[in-house]
C-alpha atoms as a PDB file:
ATOM      1  CA  UNK A   1       0.000   0.000   0.000  1.00  0.00           C
ATOM      2  CA  UNK A   2       2.886   2.323   0.806  1.00  0.00           C
ATOM      3  CA  UNK A   3       4.239   2.160  -2.751  1.00  0.00           C
ATOM      4  CA  UNK A   4       0.899   3.385  -4.129  1.00  0.00           C
ATOM      5  CA  UNK A   5       1.056   6.427  -1.879  1.00  0.00           C
ATOM      6  CA  UNK A   6       4.594   7.199  -3.060  1.00  0.00           C
ATOM      7  CA  UNK A   7       3.621   6.759  -6.711  1.00  0.00           C
ATOM      8  CA  UNK A   8       0.537   8.935  -6.273  1.00  0.00           C
ATOM      9  CA  UNK A   9       2.334  11.637  -4.309  1.00  0.00           C
ATOM     10  CA  UNK A  10       5.267  11.850  -6.673  1.00  0.00           C
ATOM     11  CA  UNK A  11       2.867  11.519  -9.621  1.00  0.00           C
ATOM     12  CA  UNK A  12       1.071  14.638  -8.459  1.00  0.00           C
ATOM     13  CA  UNK A  13       4.375  16.559  -8.491  1.00  0.00           C
ATOM     14  CA  UNK A  14       5.296  15.184 -11.932  1.00  0.00           C
ATOM     15  CA  UNK A  15       1.928  16.189 -13.377  1.00  0.00           C
ATOM     16  CA  UNK A  16       2.292  19.730 -12.021  1.00  0.00           C
ATOM     17  CA  UNK A  17       5.828  19.954 -13.430  1.00  0.00           C
ATOM     18  CA  UNK A  18       4.652  18.800 -16.860  1.00  0.00           C
ATOM     19  CA  UNK A  19       1.705  21.192 -16.842  1.00  0.00           C
ATOM     20  CA  UNK A  20       4.004  24.073 -15.881  1.00  0.00           C
ATOM     21  CA  UNK A  21       6.589  23.380 -18.598  1.00  0.00           C
ATOM     22  CA  UNK A  22       3.873  22.663 -21.183  1.00  0.00           C
ATOM     23  CA  UNK A  23       2.503  26.173 -20.609  1.00  0.00           C
ATOM     24  CA  UNK A  24       5.793  28.048 -20.999  1.00  0.00           C
ATOM     25  CA  UNK A  25       5.663  30.318 -24.016  1.00  0.00           C
ATOM     26  CA  UNK A  26       8.963  30.239 -25.847  1.00  0.00           C
ATOM     27  CA  UNK A  27       8.567  33.661 -27.463  1.00  0.00           C
ATOM     28  CA  UNK A  28      11.535  33.454 -29.824  1.00  0.00           C
ATOM     29  CA  UNK A  29      10.584  29.990 -31.075  1.00  0.00           C
ATOM     30  CA  UNK A  30       8.402  30.014 -34.193  1.00  0.00           C
ATOM     31  CA  UNK A  31       8.886  26.472 -35.478  1.00  0.00           C
ATOM     32  CA  UNK A  32       6.188  23.843 -35.835  1.00  0.00           C
ATOM     33  CA  UNK A  33       7.884  21.313 -33.545  1.00  0.00           C
ATOM     34  CA  UNK A  34       6.217  21.213 -30.085  1.00  0.00           C
ATOM     35  CA  UNK A  35       9.327  22.337 -28.209  1.00  0.00           C
ATOM     36  CA  UNK A  36       7.709  22.087 -24.752  1.00  0.00           C
ATOM     37  CA  UNK A  37       6.958  18.377 -25.089  1.00  0.00           C
ATOM     38  CA  UNK A  38      10.401  17.787 -26.575  1.00  0.00           C
ATOM     39  CA  UNK A  39      12.012  19.436 -23.533  1.00  0.00           C
ATOM     40  CA  UNK A  40       9.820  17.439 -21.149  1.00  0.00           C
ATOM     41  CA  UNK A  41      10.612  14.085 -22.740  1.00  0.00           C
ATOM     42  CA  UNK A  42      14.349  14.699 -23.114  1.00  0.00           C
ATOM     43  CA  UNK A  43      14.776  15.922 -19.534  1.00  0.00           C
ATOM     44  CA  UNK A  44      12.576  13.073 -18.294  1.00  0.00           C
ATOM     45  CA  UNK A  45      14.760  10.556 -20.129  1.00  0.00           C
ATOM     46  CA  UNK A  46      17.847  12.120 -18.588  1.00  0.00           C
ATOM     47  CA  UNK A  47      16.536  12.011 -15.030  1.00  0.00           C
ATOM     48  CA  UNK A  48      15.145   8.489 -15.362  1.00  0.00           C
ATOM     49  CA  UNK A  49      18.509   7.164 -16.539  1.00  0.00           C
ATOM     50  CA  UNK A  50      20.291   9.205 -13.860  1.00  0.00           C
ATOM     51  CA  UNK A  51      18.089   7.863 -11.050  1.00  0.00           C
ATOM     52  CA  UNK A  52      18.533   4.278 -12.227  1.00  0.00           C
ATOM     53  CA  UNK A  53      22.279   4.838 -12.579  1.00  0.00           C
ATOM     54  CA  UNK A  54      22.944   6.327  -9.175  1.00  0.00           C
ATOM     55  CA  UNK A  55      20.667   3.868  -7.359  1.00  0.00           C
ATOM     56  CA  UNK A  56      21.963   0.781  -9.126  1.00  0.00           C
ATOM     57  CA  UNK A  57      24.827   0.101  -6.746  1.00  0.00           C
ATOM     58  CA  UNK A  58      26.054   3.231  -5.042  1.00  0.00           C
ATOM     59  CA  UNK A  59      23.038   4.903  -3.455  1.00  0.00           C
ATOM     60  CA  UNK A  60      20.476   2.537  -2.060  1.00  0.00           C
ATOM     61  CA  UNK A  61      17.026   3.989  -1.562  1.00  0.00           C
ATOM     62  CA  UNK A  62      13.811   2.325  -0.512  1.00  0.00           C
ATOM     63  CA  UNK A  63      12.011   0.575  -3.363  1.00  0.00           C
ATOM     64  CA  UNK A  64       8.851   2.588  -2.633  1.00  0.00           C
ATOM     65  CA  UNK A  65      10.738   5.860  -3.015  1.00  0.00           C
ATOM     66  CA  UNK A  66      12.400   4.679  -6.222  1.00  0.00           C
ATOM     67  CA  UNK A  67       8.997   3.676  -7.631  1.00  0.00           C
ATOM     68  CA  UNK A  68       7.594   7.026  -6.569  1.00  0.00           C
ATOM     69  CA  UNK A  69      10.333   8.922  -8.368  1.00  0.00           C
ATOM     70  CA  UNK A  70      10.532   6.776 -11.510  1.00  0.00           C
ATOM     71  CA  UNK A  71       6.960   5.609 -12.071  1.00  0.00           C
ATOM     72  CA  UNK A  72       5.157   8.406 -10.240  1.00  0.00           C
ATOM     73  CA  UNK A  73       7.106  11.594 -10.840  1.00  0.00           C
ATOM     74  CA  UNK A  74       8.889  10.827 -14.106  1.00  0.00           C
ATOM     75  CA  UNK A  75       6.070   8.667 -15.461  1.00  0.00           C
ATOM     76  CA  UNK A  76       3.597  11.521 -15.173  1.00  0.00           C
ATOM     77  CA  UNK A  77       6.155  14.136 -16.154  1.00  0.00           C
ATOM     78  CA  UNK A  78       7.135  12.528 -19.456  1.00  0.00           C
ATOM     79  CA  UNK A  79       4.443  12.266 -22.049  1.00  0.00           C
ATOM     80  CA  UNK A  80       4.456   9.797 -24.899  1.00  0.00           C
ATOM     81  CA  UNK A  81       0.736  10.342 -25.460  1.00  0.00           C
ATOM     82  CA  UNK A  82       1.273  14.079 -26.066  1.00  0.00           C
ATOM     83  CA  UNK A  83       4.123  13.303 -28.454  1.00  0.00           C
ATOM     84  CA  UNK A  84       1.809  11.015 -30.443  1.00  0.00           C
ATOM     85  CA  UNK A  85      -1.063  13.531 -30.437  1.00  0.00           C
ATOM     86  CA  UNK A  86       1.210  16.346 -31.571  1.00  0.00           C
ATOM     87  CA  UNK A  87       2.760  14.118 -34.227  1.00  0.00           C
ATOM     88  CA  UNK A  88      -0.684  13.325 -35.658  1.00  0.00           C
ATOM     89  CA  UNK A  89      -1.566  17.034 -35.608  1.00  0.00           C
ATOM     90  CA  UNK A  90       1.568  17.894 -37.586  1.00  0.00           C
ATOM     91  CA  UNK A  91       0.856  15.178 -40.146  1.00  0.00           C
ATOM     92  CA  UNK A  92      -2.790  16.174 -40.599  1.00  0.00           C
ATOM     93  CA  UNK A  93      -1.688  19.791 -41.153  1.00  0.00           C
ATOM     94  CA  UNK A  94       0.675  18.579 -43.877  1.00  0.00           C
ATOM     95  CA  UNK A  95       3.767  19.518 -41.852  1.00  0.00           C
ATOM     96  CA  UNK A  96       5.641  16.364 -42.874  1.00  0.00           C
ATOM     97  CA  UNK A  97       9.115  17.807 -42.428  1.00  0.00           C
ATOM     98  CA  UNK A  98       8.320  19.093 -38.927  1.00  0.00           C
ATOM     99  CA  UNK A  99       6.665  15.786 -38.042  1.00  0.00           C
ATOM    100  CA  UNK A 100       9.740  13.860 -39.170  1.00  0.00           C
ATOM    101  CA  UNK A 101      12.125  16.191 -37.358  1.00  0.00           C
ATOM    102  CA  UNK A 102      10.016  16.037 -34.194  1.00  0.00           C
ATOM    103  CA  UNK A 103      10.222  12.242 -34.018  1.00  0.00           C
ATOM    104  CA  UNK A 104      13.901  12.249 -34.999  1.00  0.00           C
ATOM    105  CA  UNK A 105      14.854  14.904 -32.428  1.00  0.00           C
ATOM    106  CA  UNK A 106      12.747  13.271 -29.707  1.00  0.00           C
ATOM    107  CA  UNK A 107      14.512   9.954 -30.155  1.00  0.00           C
ATOM    108  CA  UNK A 108      18.012  11.302 -30.777  1.00  0.00           C
ATOM    109  CA  UNK A 109      18.042  13.835 -27.948  1.00  0.00           C
ATOM    110  CA  UNK A 110      16.468  11.380 -25.494  1.00  0.00           C
ATOM    111  CA  UNK A 111      19.085   8.744 -26.314  1.00  0.00           C
ATOM    112  CA  UNK A 112      21.853  11.315 -25.903  1.00  0.00           C
ATOM    113  CA  UNK A 113      20.325  12.413 -22.574  1.00  0.00           C
ATOM    114  CA  UNK A 114      20.252   8.797 -21.388  1.00  0.00           C
ATOM    115  CA  UNK A 115      23.882   8.311 -22.396  1.00  0.00           C
ATOM    116  CA  UNK A 116      25.001  11.513 -20.627  1.00  0.00           C
ATOM    117  CA  UNK A 117      23.001  10.684 -17.476  1.00  0.00           C
ATOM    118  CA  UNK A 118      24.467   7.185 -17.374  1.00  0.00           C
ATOM    119  CA  UNK A 119      27.994   8.547 -17.768  1.00  0.00           C
ATOM    120  CA  UNK A 120      27.433  11.107 -15.003  1.00  0.00           C
ATOM    121  CA  UNK A 121      25.959   8.532 -12.632  1.00  0.00           C
ATOM    122  CA  UNK A 122      28.890   6.177 -13.242  1.00  0.00           C
ATOM    123  CA  UNK A 123      31.287   9.059 -12.609  1.00  0.00           C
ATOM    124  CA  UNK A 124      29.561   9.832  -9.315  1.00  0.00           C
ATOM    125  CA  UNK A 125      29.863   6.190  -8.275  1.00  0.00           C
ATOM    126  CA  UNK A 126      33.566   6.099  -9.097  1.00  0.00           C
ATOM    127  CA  UNK A 127      34.285   9.289  -7.192  1.00  0.00           C
ATOM    128  CA  UNK A 128      32.590   7.890  -4.110  1.00  0.00           C
ATOM    129  CA  UNK A 129      34.619   4.662  -4.366  1.00  0.00           C
ATOM    130  CA  UNK A 130      37.840   6.687  -4.578  1.00  0.00           C
ATOM    131  CA  UNK A 131      36.843   8.727  -1.522  1.00  0.00           C
ATOM    132  CA  UNK A 132      36.039   5.551   0.408  1.00  0.00           C
ATOM    133  CA  UNK A 133      39.459   4.089  -0.469  1.00  0.00           C
ATOM    134  CA  UNK A 134      41.234   7.264   0.646  1.00  0.00           C
ATOM    135  CA  UNK A 135      39.268   7.231   3.903  1.00  0.00           C
ATOM    136  CA  UNK A 136      40.272   3.607   4.565  1.00  0.00           C
ATOM    137  CA  UNK A 137      43.930   4.508   4.000  1.00  0.00           C
ATOM    138  CA  UNK A 138      43.785   7.095   6.787  1.00  0.00           C
END
């Protein structure tokens, strides 16, 4: 039962975060690509990979908290359904180039974000191991 409370509580925060970013008006951006959703999904991919990376071996957190952050917060924050809806809207408007670029950028930037987050989380783990070794030597 506890895990459902964590998922729901963190999910509430993730939904508010998504709603807030979705409503930012990027005044200098005039392209057809839904930049808000792109930002949400790329940053969500980054943080999901980062959380999994840092909690894999180095930082142990309760499973309920991890579920709350990953499934609750980041699950409600990221939005595949909005990506699909916006993609269909671009296609029905005849914006084939923008539709193609939107999918391409969403995938490419999310994969890059996952790679960077994984590298950072591994780096954090290594630094902590080095500190622990130095502490033992004292």
